[in-house]
Amino acid sequence: MDTTELVPDWIRTLIPYQPGKPIDELEREYGVSNSIKIASNENPIGPSPKALAAVQAALPDLHRYPDGDAFYLKKRLSEVRGVHRDRLIIGNGSNEIIELVIRTFLRPGEEVIVAEHAFAIYQIVTQAAAGHTVRVPHRGFFFDLDAMAAAVTSRTRMIFLDNPNNPTGTIYFRDAFGRFLSQVPPGVVVVVDDAYAEFVNDPRYPDSLEYHTPERLLITLRTFSKIYGLAGLRIGYGVAPAELVDAMNRVRAPFNANLLAQVTAVAALDDTEHVRRTQEVVWSGLSELKAGLDRLGIPYAPSWGNFLMAQLGAGTYEKLLYEGIIVRPMEGYGFPGFARVTVGLPEENQRFLQAVEKLQHTRGA
């Protein structure tokens, strides 16, 4: 079937997002067992006990549609984050809210500014909406916020920032962010993706929720996939001016956040002990990975997230698969020879480091 006339050029030429390889697929394809996946920045200790209990309690109600307005989740988020519920939008993961922002505010041919090595989804959803992505080069592994502000034109509709940035793990600091916001003209929507915010332990980090003002077109995105360990349920939220939330709700699909995701997210929000334990495991594991890579002489980008982007060398991703270890190759993000490694449990971190050392010895033999 020839779909040339049916499918618009901007869809036909779109390169879809490539998710990480699942463990089951790896073991079938490579004939290995006891594999570990440290590729998708998932929570190494899993979901909280309170979240699991909430799932169990909600199972008898699976024949019911979820609350289309996510009343109880918005209520708890409003209390925890200190924002009015009218400024909250709930999504099927924060990824859906990225799509809602684009679908609601971007007109065909308008520009979206992103950093050169930022999360790939921003460019994908922009192209899917017939928009034009303007990619601003990094300074090393870091965003150049001044250059991003300078790239704004009369056709710019929005700017996407992820802080920490996926995949580099780097952050921008308070002074740079404040200066950037002062340079962005009215009418340009600034979307700050704070998916990894809870992992940052640095007083220089600008929590974007603190920068919301009535006149500023600022949207903050958060997720329950990372620190809360609910990636499999797909639940996230955005904070924005009420007028922007109202507009996005007009294109949001009904019942987009499922019942289990909503009740589990409420429970996860209240499990501060689980968040604390996750942070401790990640911070300790990040130090462990850095020390191990330093010992092996392997360069890596500085990271404030729950992952590390390391220069393991060309072909290392594939070789690690034969060791039963899944990391994320970074060629698609413009970093040939690099891989993104999620902080795992201590035994997973050690297994990764031992495998990399083994490959080093093999190459040197």
Protein backbone atom coordinates (compact mmCIF):
# COMPACT_ATOMS: atom_id res chain seq x y z
CA MET A 1 0.00 0.00 0.00
CA ASP A 2 1.37 3.43 -0.98
CA THR A 3 0.68 5.86 1.86
CA THR A 4 2.74 8.70 0.39
CA GLU A 5 -0.30 10.88 -0.27
CA LEU A 6 -2.08 9.79 2.91
CA VAL A 7 0.63 10.42 5.49
CA PRO A 8 1.98 13.98 5.87
CA ASP A 9 5.71 14.43 5.32
CA TRP A 10 6.34 15.43 8.93
CA ILE A 11 4.82 12.13 10.10
CA ARG A 12 6.34 9.94 7.39
CA THR A 13 9.86 11.22 8.16
CA LEU A 14 9.44 11.00 11.93
CA ILE A 15 11.86 8.65 13.70
CA PRO A 16 9.93 7.10 16.60
CA TYR A 17 11.26 6.94 20.13
CA GLN A 18 13.23 3.75 20.80
CA PRO A 19 12.62 2.41 24.31
CA GLY A 20 15.23 0.37 26.16
CA LYS A 21 15.49 -3.37 25.61
CA PRO A 22 13.33 -5.39 28.06
CA ILE A 23 15.02 -8.09 30.16
CA ASP A 24 12.87 -10.89 28.71
CA GLU A 25 13.84 -9.92 25.17
CA LEU A 26 17.53 -9.80 26.08
CA GLU A 27 17.49 -13.26 27.63
CA ARG A 28 15.61 -14.79 24.69
CA GLU A 29 17.85 -13.16 22.10
CA TYR A 30 21.22 -13.68 23.78
CA GLY A 31 20.58 -16.89 25.70
CA VAL A 32 21.57 -15.39 29.05
CA SER A 33 19.90 -15.46 32.45
CA ASN A 34 19.91 -13.47 35.69
CA SER A 35 20.09 -10.29 33.68
CA ILE A 36 19.92 -6.78 35.10
CA LYS A 37 18.47 -3.69 33.47
CA ILE A 38 20.14 -0.43 34.41
CA ALA A 39 19.02 1.47 31.33
CA SER A 40 15.72 3.25 31.97
CA ASN A 41 16.37 5.27 35.15
CA GLU A 42 13.88 3.24 37.16
CA ASN A 43 13.74 3.23 40.95
CA PRO A 44 16.25 0.59 42.15
CA ILE A 45 14.22 -0.37 45.25
CA GLY A 46 10.83 -0.49 43.52
CA PRO A 47 7.51 1.02 44.62
CA SER A 48 6.68 1.82 48.22
CA PRO A 49 4.83 -0.68 50.44
CA LYS A 50 2.05 1.90 50.82
CA ALA A 51 1.71 2.09 47.05
CA LEU A 52 1.49 -1.70 46.73
CA ALA A 53 -1.16 -1.82 49.44
CA ALA A 54 -3.17 0.84 47.61
CA VAL A 55 -3.07 -1.22 44.39
CA GLN A 56 -4.33 -4.28 46.24
CA ALA A 57 -7.15 -2.36 47.88
CA ALA A 58 -8.30 -0.88 44.56
CA LEU A 59 -8.42 -4.14 42.57
CA PRO A 60 -12.10 -4.91 43.31
CA ASP A 61 -13.05 -1.61 41.61
CA LEU A 62 -11.41 -2.37 38.26
CA HIS A 63 -14.82 -2.58 36.59
CA ARG A 64 -15.30 1.15 37.31
CA TYR A 65 -13.98 4.01 35.23
CA PRO A 66 -11.39 6.14 37.02
CA ASP A 67 -12.17 9.62 38.29
CA GLY A 68 -11.77 11.74 35.16
CA ASP A 69 -10.80 14.77 37.25
CA ALA A 70 -8.43 12.86 39.58
CA PHE A 71 -10.04 14.67 42.53
CA TYR A 72 -8.21 12.95 45.38
CA LEU A 73 -4.81 13.01 43.67
CA LYS A 74 -5.16 16.71 42.89
CA LYS A 75 -6.30 17.35 46.45
CA ARG A 76 -3.22 15.67 47.91
CA LEU A 77 -0.86 17.26 45.36
CA SER A 78 -2.35 20.66 46.18
CA GLU A 79 -1.58 20.10 49.85
CA VAL A 80 1.91 18.71 49.31
CA ARG A 81 3.06 21.15 46.61
CA GLY A 82 1.19 24.20 47.83
CA VAL A 83 -0.61 24.97 44.56
CA HIS A 84 -4.31 25.38 43.85
CA ARG A 85 -5.91 22.34 42.25
CA ASP A 86 -7.01 24.46 39.26
CA ARG A 87 -3.32 24.74 38.37
CA LEU A 88 -2.82 20.96 38.26
CA ILE A 89 -3.18 18.64 35.30
CA ILE A 90 -2.78 14.86 35.58
CA GLY A 91 -1.35 12.77 32.78
CA ASN A 92 -0.62 9.23 31.68
CA GLY A 93 2.95 9.86 32.74
CA SER A 94 4.44 13.33 32.38
CA ASN A 95 5.12 12.28 28.78
CA GLU A 96 1.42 12.70 27.96
CA ILE A 97 1.48 16.23 29.36
CA ILE A 98 4.38 17.06 27.02
CA GLU A 99 2.11 15.99 24.17
CA LEU A 100 -0.82 17.98 25.58
CA VAL A 101 1.31 21.12 25.76
CA ILE A 102 2.33 20.73 22.11
CA ARG A 103 -1.16 19.83 20.86
CA THR A 104 -2.78 22.70 22.75
CA PHE A 105 -0.44 25.62 22.08
CA LEU A 106 1.69 24.88 19.01
CA ARG A 107 0.51 25.87 15.54
CA PRO A 108 1.96 24.21 12.41
CA GLY A 109 5.25 25.80 11.41
CA GLU A 110 5.91 27.45 14.77
CA GLU A 111 9.18 26.89 16.60
CA VAL A 112 10.02 24.95 19.73
CA ILE A 113 13.44 25.54 21.26
CA VAL A 114 15.23 22.61 22.90
CA ALA A 115 18.79 21.89 23.94
CA GLU A 116 20.82 19.81 21.50
CA HIS A 117 21.15 16.80 23.82
CA ALA A 118 17.85 17.04 25.71
CA PHE A 119 15.13 14.39 26.08
CA ALA A 120 14.28 13.10 22.58
CA ILE A 121 10.51 13.20 23.10
CA TYR A 122 10.40 17.01 22.83
CA GLN A 123 11.56 16.94 19.24
CA ILE A 124 9.42 13.92 18.34
CA VAL A 125 6.13 15.43 19.53
CA THR A 126 7.00 18.78 17.96
CA GLN A 127 7.53 17.20 14.55
CA ALA A 128 4.36 15.12 14.97
CA ALA A 129 2.45 18.39 15.33
CA ALA A 130 4.09 19.91 12.21
CA GLY A 131 6.20 22.22 14.33
CA HIS A 132 9.86 23.14 13.83
CA THR A 133 12.47 22.23 16.43
CA VAL A 134 15.34 24.64 17.05
CA ARG A 135 18.22 22.79 18.72
CA VAL A 136 20.66 24.92 20.69
CA PRO A 137 24.14 23.44 21.29
CA HIS A 138 25.25 22.48 24.78
CA ARG A 139 28.30 23.92 26.50
CA GLY A 140 30.05 20.64 27.10
CA PHE A 141 27.46 18.53 28.91
CA PHE A 142 25.48 21.57 30.12
CA PHE A 143 22.60 23.64 28.78
CA ASP A 144 23.48 27.10 27.48
CA LEU A 145 20.44 29.00 28.74
CA ASP A 146 21.69 32.36 27.46
CA ALA A 147 21.98 30.92 23.96
CA MET A 148 18.53 29.35 24.24
CA ALA A 149 17.01 32.71 25.21
CA ALA A 150 18.88 34.37 22.33
CA ALA A 151 17.43 31.81 19.90
CA VAL A 152 13.88 33.08 20.45
CA THR A 153 12.28 34.58 17.33
CA SER A 154 8.84 35.87 16.44
CA ARG A 155 7.93 32.27 15.51
CA THR A 156 8.94 30.76 18.84
CA ARG A 157 5.99 29.30 20.71
CA MET A 158 7.69 27.42 23.54
CA ILE A 159 10.95 26.29 25.11
CA PHE A 160 11.55 22.90 26.72
CA LEU A 161 14.06 22.43 29.52
CA ASP A 162 14.70 19.27 31.52
CA ASN A 163 16.48 19.75 34.80
CA PRO A 164 18.31 17.46 35.51
CA ASN A 165 18.79 16.83 31.83
CA ASN A 166 18.19 13.39 30.43
CA PRO A 167 20.56 11.92 29.26
CA THR A 168 23.54 13.94 30.52
CA GLY A 169 22.40 14.20 34.15
CA THR A 170 23.54 17.81 34.39
CA ILE A 171 21.59 20.73 35.85
CA TYR A 172 21.53 24.47 35.34
CA PHE A 173 21.74 26.71 38.40
CA ARG A 174 19.55 29.35 40.02
CA ASP A 175 21.37 32.40 38.70
CA ALA A 176 21.32 31.14 35.11
CA PHE A 177 17.65 30.16 35.29
CA GLY A 178 16.58 33.51 36.76
CA ARG A 179 18.50 35.36 34.05
CA PHE A 180 16.97 33.11 31.38
CA LEU A 181 13.40 33.75 32.54
CA SER A 182 14.01 37.49 32.51
CA GLN A 183 15.09 37.25 28.85
CA VAL A 184 12.16 35.17 27.57
CA PRO A 185 9.54 37.47 26.04
CA PRO A 186 5.86 37.33 26.99
CA GLY A 187 3.85 34.85 24.93
CA VAL A 188 6.55 32.16 24.92
CA VAL A 189 5.66 29.11 27.01
CA VAL A 190 8.52 27.73 29.11
CA VAL A 191 8.13 24.04 29.98
CA VAL A 192 10.44 22.73 32.70
CA ASP A 193 10.57 18.94 32.98
CA ASP A 194 11.56 18.17 36.57
CA ALA A 195 11.29 14.38 36.28
CA TYR A 196 14.46 13.84 38.33
CA ALA A 197 14.14 16.80 40.70
CA GLU A 198 13.83 14.70 43.84
CA PHE A 199 17.27 13.19 43.26
CA VAL A 200 19.06 16.56 43.28
CA ASN A 201 20.98 17.34 46.44
CA ASP A 202 22.45 20.74 45.58
CA PRO A 203 21.45 24.16 47.00
CA ARG A 204 22.14 25.75 43.60
CA TYR A 205 19.29 23.78 42.01
CA PRO A 206 16.31 25.91 40.92
CA ASP A 207 13.06 24.11 41.76
CA SER A 208 10.89 25.49 38.96
CA LEU A 209 7.80 25.42 41.20
CA GLU A 210 9.31 28.36 43.07
CA TYR A 211 9.39 30.50 39.90
CA HIS A 212 5.69 30.48 39.03
CA THR A 213 4.12 33.93 38.95
CA PRO A 214 0.68 35.06 37.69
CA GLU A 215 2.10 36.69 34.55
CA ARG A 216 4.62 33.96 33.63
CA LEU A 217 3.78 31.24 31.07
CA LEU A 218 5.66 28.56 33.00
CA ILE A 219 4.71 24.88 33.12
CA THR A 220 6.38 22.47 35.55
CA LEU A 221 6.25 18.73 34.85
CA ARG A 222 6.72 16.05 37.48
CA THR A 223 6.43 12.26 37.38
CA PHE A 224 5.74 9.35 39.71
CA SER A 225 7.90 7.07 37.54
CA LYS A 226 11.27 7.84 39.11
CA ILE A 227 11.56 8.64 42.82
CA TYR A 228 8.18 7.03 43.56
CA GLY A 229 8.86 3.87 41.55
CA LEU A 230 5.57 3.81 39.60
CA ALA A 231 6.90 3.72 36.03
CA GLY A 232 4.68 0.76 35.13
CA LEU A 233 1.49 2.63 36.04
CA ARG A 234 2.25 5.77 33.97
CA ILE A 235 1.20 8.71 36.11
CA GLY A 236 2.53 12.26 36.17
CA TYR A 237 1.35 15.82 36.65
CA GLY A 238 1.90 19.37 35.55
CA VAL A 239 1.64 22.70 37.33
CA ALA A 240 0.72 25.74 35.24
CA PRO A 241 -1.43 28.87 35.27
CA ALA A 242 -5.09 27.90 35.55
CA GLU A 243 -5.84 29.31 32.10
CA LEU A 244 -3.26 27.03 30.50
CA VAL A 245 -4.53 24.01 32.42
CA ASP A 246 -8.08 24.77 31.27
CA ALA A 247 -6.91 24.87 27.66
CA MET A 248 -5.00 21.58 27.94
CA ASN A 249 -7.99 19.88 29.56
CA ARG A 250 -9.98 20.66 26.42
CA VAL A 251 -7.79 18.30 24.39
CA ARG A 252 -6.98 15.81 27.14
CA ALA A 253 -8.63 12.41 26.63
CA PRO A 254 -11.23 11.45 29.25
CA PHE A 255 -10.06 8.95 31.90
CA ASN A 256 -6.44 9.37 30.78
CA ALA A 257 -5.08 8.48 34.24
CA ASN A 258 -6.20 5.00 35.24
CA LEU A 259 -7.73 4.06 38.58
CA LEU A 260 -4.75 2.13 39.95
CA ALA A 261 -2.33 4.88 38.98
CA GLN A 262 -4.37 7.53 40.78
CA VAL A 263 -4.83 5.72 44.09
CA THR A 264 -1.24 4.48 44.08
CA ALA A 265 0.14 7.96 43.42
CA VAL A 266 -1.76 9.31 46.43
CA ALA A 267 -0.28 6.58 48.62
CA ALA A 268 3.22 7.10 47.21
CA LEU A 269 3.09 10.84 47.94
CA ASP A 270 2.58 10.08 51.61
CA ASP A 271 5.41 7.54 51.88
CA THR A 272 8.20 9.97 52.70
CA GLU A 273 10.25 7.14 54.18
CA HIS A 274 10.34 5.36 50.82
CA VAL A 275 11.46 8.57 49.10
CA ARG A 276 14.22 9.01 51.69
CA ARG A 277 15.40 5.41 51.26
CA THR A 278 15.43 5.77 47.49
CA GLN A 279 17.50 8.94 47.71
CA GLU A 280 20.02 7.29 50.01
CA VAL A 281 20.38 4.26 47.74
CA VAL A 282 20.77 6.46 44.66
CA TRP A 283 23.21 8.93 46.18
CA SER A 284 25.33 6.12 47.58
CA GLY A 285 25.17 4.18 44.32
CA LEU A 286 26.07 7.21 42.25
CA SER A 287 29.19 7.72 44.36
CA GLU A 288 29.98 4.01 43.99
CA LEU A 289 29.70 4.16 40.19
CA LYS A 290 31.80 7.32 39.97
CA ALA A 291 34.53 5.81 42.15
CA GLY A 292 34.55 2.62 40.09
CA LEU A 293 34.72 4.46 36.77
CA ASP A 294 37.46 6.73 38.14
CA ARG A 295 39.45 3.64 39.10
CA LEU A 296 39.03 2.27 35.57
CA GLY A 297 39.93 5.61 33.96
CA ILE A 298 36.55 5.97 32.25
CA PRO A 299 35.27 9.55 31.77
CA TYR A 300 31.66 10.43 32.60
CA ALA A 301 29.42 13.48 32.66
CA PRO A 302 28.67 15.03 36.05
CA SER A 303 25.23 13.90 37.18
CA TRP A 304 22.61 15.14 39.60
CA GLY A 305 20.09 12.43 38.62
CA ASN A 306 19.77 8.72 39.30
CA PHE A 307 21.96 7.83 36.31
CA LEU A 308 25.40 8.46 34.87
CA MET A 309 26.44 8.96 31.26
CA ALA A 310 29.84 7.33 30.81
CA GLN A 311 32.25 7.04 27.88
CA LEU A 312 32.46 3.25 27.86
CA GLY A 313 33.72 3.02 24.28
CA ALA A 314 32.23 1.98 20.96
CA GLY A 315 30.58 -1.44 21.02
CA THR A 316 30.48 -1.73 24.82
CA TYR A 317 26.67 -1.62 24.92
CA GLU A 318 26.43 -4.73 22.75
CA LYS A 319 29.19 -6.52 24.65
CA LEU A 320 27.45 -5.86 27.96
CA LEU A 321 24.32 -7.53 26.62
CA TYR A 322 26.28 -10.80 26.41
CA GLU A 323 27.07 -10.27 30.10
CA GLY A 324 23.36 -9.96 30.84
CA ILE A 325 23.56 -6.21 31.50
CA ILE A 326 21.35 -3.66 29.75
CA VAL A 327 22.49 -0.03 29.63
CA ARG A 328 21.33 2.71 27.25
CA PRO A 329 23.51 3.52 24.23
CA MET A 330 23.83 7.24 23.55
CA GLU A 331 24.65 7.41 19.83
CA GLY A 332 21.09 8.58 19.13
CA TYR A 333 21.63 11.51 21.48
CA GLY A 334 24.81 12.62 19.75
CA PHE A 335 27.27 10.98 22.15
CA PRO A 336 29.02 8.16 20.27
CA GLY A 337 30.82 5.74 22.55
CA PHE A 338 28.79 6.82 25.57
CA ALA A 339 26.14 4.88 27.49
CA ARG A 340 23.67 5.98 30.16
CA VAL A 341 23.82 3.80 33.24
CA THR A 342 21.04 3.84 35.83
CA VAL A 343 22.05 3.63 39.48
CA GLY A 344 21.01 0.17 40.64
CA LEU A 345 21.21 -1.77 43.86
CA PRO A 346 24.76 -2.16 45.25
CA GLU A 347 25.14 -5.64 43.78
CA GLU A 348 23.95 -4.39 40.37
CA ASN A 349 26.39 -1.49 40.42
CA GLN A 350 29.24 -3.85 41.26
CA ARG A 351 28.24 -6.32 38.58
CA PHE A 352 28.26 -3.53 36.00
CA LEU A 353 31.69 -2.27 37.09
CA GLN A 354 33.11 -5.78 37.09
CA ALA A 355 31.78 -6.42 33.59
CA VAL A 356 33.27 -3.16 32.29
CA GLU A 357 36.62 -4.03 33.86
CA LYS A 358 36.47 -7.49 32.29
CA LEU A 359 35.85 -5.92 28.87
CA GLN A 360 38.77 -3.55 29.42
CA HIS A 361 41.07 -6.47 30.09
CA THR A 362 39.75 -8.30 27.04
CA ARG A 363 40.44 -5.31 24.79
CA GLY A 364 43.91 -4.94 26.27
CA ALA A 365 44.82 -8.61 25.88
